[in-house]
């Protein structure tokens, strides 16, 4: 990967949460900018559209999880940059494809026109394809920035599984098949653990894998955290789709109801969905207890996910 900005120092890692988030967001933005092809590189239109899809927007929750999990294992920041870029590139590709007319057919993302609106459907399809490939190129570079070779291979397998038919893509397929269908809570959870939770959980595992190898009990607790946190993210998303407006969300509000999609609000009701999100928050925080202060950032991110308004 291209040259990085100076490492986020151990002093900076002791910043308050808001400043730490800003530092990490700035760091991953610089890393993404360096990883993406230059806008003037041939083919120009494709590379411009890739940069349009990725840079200058989004909550960067997945990179934040990578950096936070890296604190558990004492990971090198260069390796974490690679992992953070890889999960954000997969996430960005999924949004480009999800927004297309053949999928969710949306015109607004991160407060601006979606890629297929700005660049056309054919280019949007290629943008997603190219970002997915670039994600694995970025992750492969982790071994030259502090991750062990065996860990590097395992991370590539982990990300591929999280993004594929057993994870995110499979969850999206179930989502498309569920329009107008009545799902129970167990079926809804299965869909969302794949569609949304798989990549969020992978971000946690990748961050931790960039450093020392965790013990089996540590890995089990970290996975318990990741599963609860990932599901909480989707529950809150469903609540916000009902409660927030498009300007706040940066995407079209009310799309799930308009498309007759099953959500936690439609299955459980609004107040039970809120209570479920809080119970998942407690589950996630409970899983972090054995890690002590090194898990502080992961706990903070869990609170951010459940308490967010956009």
Protein backbone atom coordinates (compact mmCIF):
# COMPACT_ATOMS: atom_id res chain seq x y z
CA UNK A 1 0.00 0.00 0.00
CA UNK A 2 1.06 3.60 -0.42
CA UNK A 3 2.82 5.64 2.24
CA UNK A 4 0.82 6.34 5.37
CA UNK A 5 0.35 9.36 7.58
CA UNK A 6 2.27 9.03 10.89
CA UNK A 7 1.01 6.28 13.17
CA UNK A 8 -1.76 6.97 15.63
CA UNK A 9 0.41 7.13 18.72
CA UNK A 10 -0.20 5.45 22.07
CA UNK A 11 -0.66 8.95 23.46
CA UNK A 12 -3.41 9.62 20.92
CA UNK A 13 -5.01 6.28 21.81
CA UNK A 14 -5.64 7.72 25.27
CA UNK A 15 -7.70 10.61 23.89
CA UNK A 16 -11.34 10.94 24.88
CA UNK A 17 -13.68 8.98 22.66
CA UNK A 18 -14.77 11.81 20.37
CA UNK A 19 -11.17 12.84 19.69
CA UNK A 20 -10.10 9.22 19.25
CA UNK A 21 -12.88 8.67 16.69
CA UNK A 22 -11.83 11.79 14.81
CA UNK A 23 -8.19 10.64 14.79
CA UNK A 24 -9.13 7.17 13.51
CA UNK A 25 -11.51 8.58 10.91
CA UNK A 26 -8.79 10.90 9.64
CA UNK A 27 -6.33 8.05 9.57
CA UNK A 28 -8.54 5.67 7.58
CA UNK A 29 -9.59 8.47 5.21
CA UNK A 30 -5.92 9.10 4.42
CA UNK A 31 -5.29 5.37 4.02
CA UNK A 32 -8.28 4.97 1.69
CA UNK A 33 -7.18 7.96 -0.35
CA UNK A 34 -3.74 6.39 -0.74
CA UNK A 35 -5.17 2.94 -1.55
CA UNK A 36 -7.68 4.00 -4.21
CA UNK A 37 -6.37 4.69 -7.71
CA UNK A 38 -5.90 8.39 -8.48
CA UNK A 39 -8.92 10.04 -10.07
CA UNK A 40 -6.83 10.90 -13.15
CA UNK A 41 -5.64 7.32 -13.68
CA UNK A 42 -6.98 5.49 -16.73
CA UNK A 43 -9.87 4.55 -16.94
CA UNK A 44 -10.66 7.95 -15.48
CA UNK A 45 -14.44 7.70 -15.12
CA UNK A 46 -14.27 4.40 -13.23
CA UNK A 47 -11.62 5.68 -10.84
CA UNK A 48 -13.48 8.93 -10.24
CA UNK A 49 -16.61 6.95 -9.43
CA UNK A 50 -14.73 4.64 -7.05
CA UNK A 51 -13.41 7.61 -5.13
CA UNK A 52 -16.87 9.21 -5.14
CA UNK A 53 -18.30 6.04 -3.57
CA UNK A 54 -15.70 5.74 -0.82
CA UNK A 55 -14.23 9.07 0.23
CA UNK A 56 -15.63 11.95 2.24
CA UNK A 57 -18.58 10.37 3.98
CA UNK A 58 -19.97 7.64 6.19
CA UNK A 59 -19.69 6.87 9.89
CA UNK A 60 -16.64 4.58 9.38
CA UNK A 61 -17.97 2.24 12.08
CA UNK A 62 -16.19 -0.78 10.62
CA UNK A 63 -12.73 0.85 10.56
CA UNK A 64 -13.35 2.11 14.11
CA UNK A 65 -14.02 -1.48 15.17
CA UNK A 66 -10.78 -2.58 13.50
CA UNK A 67 -8.70 0.00 15.36
CA UNK A 68 -10.51 -0.64 18.66
CA UNK A 69 -10.06 -4.42 18.43
CA UNK A 70 -6.41 -3.87 17.59
CA UNK A 71 -5.93 -2.42 21.06
CA UNK A 72 -6.78 -5.84 22.53
CA UNK A 73 -3.91 -7.51 20.72
CA UNK A 74 -1.35 -4.69 20.58
CA UNK A 75 -1.55 -4.62 16.79
CA UNK A 76 0.70 -2.44 14.64
CA UNK A 77 -1.13 0.56 13.22
CA UNK A 78 0.13 -0.10 9.69
CA UNK A 79 -1.53 -3.53 9.69
CA UNK A 80 -4.70 -2.03 11.14
CA UNK A 81 -4.76 0.52 8.31
CA UNK A 82 -4.82 -2.33 5.81
CA UNK A 83 -7.61 -4.16 7.63
CA UNK A 84 -9.61 -0.95 8.13
CA UNK A 85 -9.39 -0.13 4.43
CA UNK A 86 -10.41 -3.63 3.42
CA UNK A 87 -13.62 -3.76 5.46
CA UNK A 88 -14.60 -0.22 4.42
CA UNK A 89 -14.02 -1.03 0.75
CA UNK A 90 -16.24 -4.13 1.03
CA UNK A 91 -18.87 -2.04 2.80
CA UNK A 92 -18.70 0.69 0.15
CA UNK A 93 -19.02 -1.84 -2.69
CA UNK A 94 -22.07 -3.38 -1.02
CA UNK A 95 -23.76 0.02 -0.74
CA UNK A 96 -23.12 0.81 -4.41
CA UNK A 97 -24.73 -2.46 -5.49
CA UNK A 98 -27.55 -2.34 -2.90
CA UNK A 99 -28.62 1.10 -4.13
CA UNK A 100 -28.98 0.02 -7.76
CA UNK A 101 -32.43 -0.25 -9.40
CA UNK A 102 -32.26 -4.06 -9.48
CA UNK A 103 -31.79 -4.12 -5.70
CA UNK A 104 -33.08 -1.41 -3.33
CA UNK A 105 -33.40 1.24 -6.06
CA UNK A 106 -32.28 4.23 -3.97
CA UNK A 107 -31.16 7.66 -5.12
CA UNK A 108 -29.55 9.03 -1.93
CA UNK A 109 -26.54 7.76 0.00
CA UNK A 110 -24.42 9.63 2.55
CA UNK A 111 -26.32 12.81 1.68
CA UNK A 112 -25.50 12.77 -2.04
CA UNK A 113 -26.78 11.03 -5.19
CA UNK A 114 -26.04 7.33 -5.30
CA UNK A 115 -23.30 6.14 -7.65
CA UNK A 116 -25.64 4.80 -10.34
CA UNK A 117 -27.47 8.16 -10.36
CA UNK A 118 -24.22 10.13 -10.64
CA UNK A 119 -22.33 7.81 -13.03
CA UNK A 120 -24.83 5.41 -14.58
CA UNK A 121 -25.74 1.82 -13.81
CA UNK A 122 -22.97 0.13 -15.81
CA UNK A 123 -20.24 2.18 -14.13
CA UNK A 124 -21.83 1.59 -10.71
CA UNK A 125 -21.69 -2.16 -11.28
CA UNK A 126 -18.01 -1.94 -12.19
CA UNK A 127 -17.31 0.31 -9.20
CA UNK A 128 -18.63 -2.37 -6.86
CA UNK A 129 -16.64 -5.09 -8.61
CA UNK A 130 -13.43 -3.05 -8.49
CA UNK A 131 -13.85 -2.04 -4.83
CA UNK A 132 -14.37 -5.66 -3.82
CA UNK A 133 -11.16 -6.71 -5.56
CA UNK A 134 -9.25 -3.78 -4.09
CA UNK A 135 -10.38 -4.76 -0.59
CA UNK A 136 -8.47 -8.03 -0.76
CA UNK A 137 -5.43 -6.34 -2.27
CA UNK A 138 -5.44 -3.93 0.67
CA UNK A 139 -5.85 -6.69 3.24
CA UNK A 140 -3.06 -8.75 1.72
CA UNK A 141 -0.66 -5.89 2.41
CA UNK A 142 -1.19 -6.28 6.18
CA UNK A 143 1.62 -8.83 6.30
CA UNK A 144 4.11 -6.18 5.21
CA UNK A 145 2.89 -3.81 7.94
CA UNK A 146 3.13 -5.98 11.05
CA UNK A 147 0.65 -8.86 10.75
CA UNK A 148 2.03 -12.39 10.71
CA UNK A 149 1.89 -14.35 7.42
CA UNK A 150 -0.44 -17.04 8.82
CA UNK A 151 -2.69 -14.36 10.29
CA UNK A 152 -2.72 -12.57 6.94
CA UNK A 153 -3.99 -15.64 5.12
CA UNK A 154 -6.59 -16.30 7.81
CA UNK A 155 -7.81 -12.70 7.59
CA UNK A 156 -8.34 -12.96 3.83
CA UNK A 157 -10.39 -16.14 4.32
CA UNK A 158 -12.37 -14.49 7.14
CA UNK A 159 -13.23 -11.41 5.08
CA UNK A 160 -14.16 -13.50 2.04
CA UNK A 161 -16.54 -15.62 4.10
CA UNK A 162 -18.10 -12.58 5.76
CA UNK A 163 -18.72 -10.93 2.38
CA UNK A 164 -19.92 -14.01 0.51
CA UNK A 165 -23.00 -16.21 0.26
CA UNK A 166 -22.73 -17.36 3.87
CA UNK A 167 -22.46 -13.75 5.03
CA UNK A 168 -23.34 -10.37 3.57
CA UNK A 169 -24.30 -11.43 0.03
CA UNK A 170 -26.37 -14.32 1.36
CA UNK A 171 -28.13 -12.02 3.80
CA UNK A 172 -28.97 -9.64 0.97
CA UNK A 173 -30.38 -12.55 -1.05
CA UNK A 174 -32.60 -13.53 1.88
CA UNK A 175 -33.65 -9.89 2.24
CA UNK A 176 -34.71 -9.70 -1.41
CA UNK A 177 -36.66 -12.94 -1.08
CA UNK A 178 -38.40 -11.65 2.06
CA UNK A 179 -40.19 -8.64 0.56
CA UNK A 180 -43.85 -8.99 1.48
CA UNK A 181 -43.13 -12.15 3.49
CA UNK A 182 -43.89 -12.50 7.18
CA UNK A 183 -40.75 -13.54 9.09
CA UNK A 184 -40.50 -14.44 12.75
CA UNK A 185 -37.79 -12.95 14.96
CA UNK A 186 -35.48 -15.95 14.59
CA UNK A 187 -35.62 -15.76 10.80
CA UNK A 188 -35.08 -12.01 10.90
CA UNK A 189 -32.03 -12.44 13.12
CA UNK A 190 -30.56 -15.05 10.78
CA UNK A 191 -30.93 -12.66 7.84
CA UNK A 192 -29.37 -9.71 9.63
CA UNK A 193 -26.52 -11.66 11.24
CA UNK A 194 -25.51 -12.34 7.64
CA UNK A 195 -26.46 -9.12 5.84
CA UNK A 196 -25.18 -6.59 8.39
CA UNK A 197 -23.62 -8.44 11.30
CA UNK A 198 -21.15 -10.59 9.36
CA UNK A 199 -19.01 -7.71 8.11
CA UNK A 200 -19.18 -5.84 11.43
CA UNK A 201 -18.08 -8.98 13.27
CA UNK A 202 -15.31 -9.55 10.72
CA UNK A 203 -14.01 -6.02 11.37
CA UNK A 204 -13.58 -6.93 15.04
CA UNK A 205 -11.81 -10.20 14.29
CA UNK A 206 -9.53 -8.64 11.67
CA UNK A 207 -8.45 -5.87 14.03
CA UNK A 208 -7.61 -8.36 16.76
CA UNK A 209 -5.85 -10.70 14.29
CA UNK A 210 -3.40 -7.96 13.30
CA UNK A 211 -1.64 -8.34 16.68
CA UNK A 212 -0.86 -11.16 19.14
CA UNK A 213 -2.87 -14.37 18.91
CA UNK A 214 -5.71 -14.29 21.42
CA UNK A 215 -6.37 -17.29 23.66
CA UNK A 216 -9.36 -19.52 22.93
CA UNK A 217 -11.42 -18.01 25.81
CA UNK A 218 -10.54 -14.50 24.59
CA UNK A 219 -11.58 -15.36 21.05
CA UNK A 220 -14.89 -16.78 22.31
CA UNK A 221 -15.71 -13.64 24.30
CA UNK A 222 -14.68 -11.40 21.43
CA UNK A 223 -16.97 -13.35 19.10
CA UNK A 224 -19.82 -13.06 21.60
CA UNK A 225 -19.25 -9.31 21.65
CA UNK A 226 -19.09 -9.09 17.85
CA UNK A 227 -22.33 -11.02 17.31
CA UNK A 228 -24.31 -8.95 19.83
CA UNK A 229 -22.89 -5.64 18.59
CA UNK A 230 -23.51 -6.53 14.92
CA UNK A 231 -27.13 -7.42 15.53
CA UNK A 232 -27.67 -4.30 17.67
CA UNK A 233 -26.50 -2.17 14.74
CA UNK A 234 -29.27 -3.55 12.50
CA UNK A 235 -31.97 -3.28 15.17
CA UNK A 236 -31.14 0.40 15.63
CA UNK A 237 -31.07 0.86 11.84
CA UNK A 238 -34.63 -0.46 11.68
CA UNK A 239 -35.71 1.89 14.47
CA UNK A 240 -34.11 4.88 12.75
CA UNK A 241 -35.77 4.00 9.44
CA UNK A 242 -39.05 4.67 11.23
CA UNK A 243 -38.07 7.59 13.47
CA UNK A 244 -35.50 9.65 11.53
CA UNK A 245 -35.81 11.70 8.35
CA UNK A 246 -33.76 11.44 5.16
CA UNK A 247 -31.68 14.55 5.92
CA UNK A 248 -30.60 13.07 9.26
CA UNK A 249 -29.91 9.60 7.90
CA UNK A 250 -28.18 10.72 4.69
CA UNK A 251 -30.27 8.12 2.85
CA UNK A 252 -33.94 7.72 2.06
CA UNK A 253 -35.95 7.18 5.23
CA UNK A 254 -38.93 4.83 5.35
CA UNK A 255 -37.71 2.61 2.50
CA UNK A 256 -38.25 -0.64 4.43
CA UNK A 257 -41.90 0.12 5.12
CA UNK A 258 -42.42 1.39 1.56
CA UNK A 259 -40.99 -1.84 0.15
CA UNK A 260 -42.91 -3.99 2.65
CA UNK A 261 -39.72 -5.47 4.11
CA UNK A 262 -39.76 -7.27 7.48
CA UNK A 263 -37.90 -5.32 10.18
CA UNK A 264 -37.49 -5.53 13.94
CA UNK A 265 -40.04 -2.75 14.28
CA UNK A 266 -42.61 -4.51 12.08
CA UNK A 267 -42.02 -7.88 13.77
CA UNK A 268 -41.61 -6.76 17.41
CA UNK A 269 -43.03 -3.25 17.61
CA UNK A 270 -41.11 -0.04 18.21
CA UNK A 271 -40.71 -0.15 21.99
CA UNK A 272 -39.80 -3.87 22.15
CA UNK A 273 -37.23 -3.23 19.40
CA UNK A 274 -35.69 -0.47 21.53
CA UNK A 275 -35.57 -2.83 24.51
CA UNK A 276 -33.99 -5.54 22.36
CA UNK A 277 -31.26 -3.12 21.22
CA UNK A 278 -30.51 -2.28 24.85
CA UNK A 279 -30.32 -5.96 25.79
CA UNK A 280 -27.85 -6.56 22.96
CA UNK A 281 -25.80 -3.60 24.19
CA UNK A 282 -25.64 -5.19 27.64
CA UNK A 283 -24.68 -8.55 26.15
CA UNK A 284 -21.89 -6.97 24.12
CA UNK A 285 -20.52 -5.05 27.10
CA UNK A 286 -20.68 -8.15 29.28
CA UNK A 287 -18.51 -10.03 26.78
CA UNK A 288 -15.84 -7.34 27.03
CA UNK A 289 -15.54 -7.43 30.83
CA UNK A 290 -12.66 -9.92 30.94
CA UNK A 291 -10.48 -7.74 28.68
CA UNK A 292 -10.38 -4.82 31.10
CA UNK A 293 -9.22 -1.37 29.94
CA UNK A 294 -7.96 -2.62 26.56
CA UNK A 295 -11.61 -3.09 25.49
CA UNK A 296 -12.63 0.45 26.41
CA UNK A 297 -12.96 1.61 22.81
CA UNK A 298 -15.06 -1.40 21.80
CA UNK A 299 -17.43 -0.60 24.65
CA UNK A 300 -17.60 3.03 23.59
CA UNK A 301 -18.42 2.01 20.01
CA UNK A 302 -21.20 -0.27 21.25
CA UNK A 303 -22.74 2.67 23.11
CA UNK A 304 -22.38 4.80 19.98
CA UNK A 305 -24.13 2.18 17.84
CA UNK A 306 -27.10 1.77 20.14
CA UNK A 307 -27.50 5.43 21.06
CA UNK A 308 -26.94 6.96 17.64
CA UNK A 309 -29.54 9.10 15.88
CA UNK A 310 -28.35 8.61 12.29
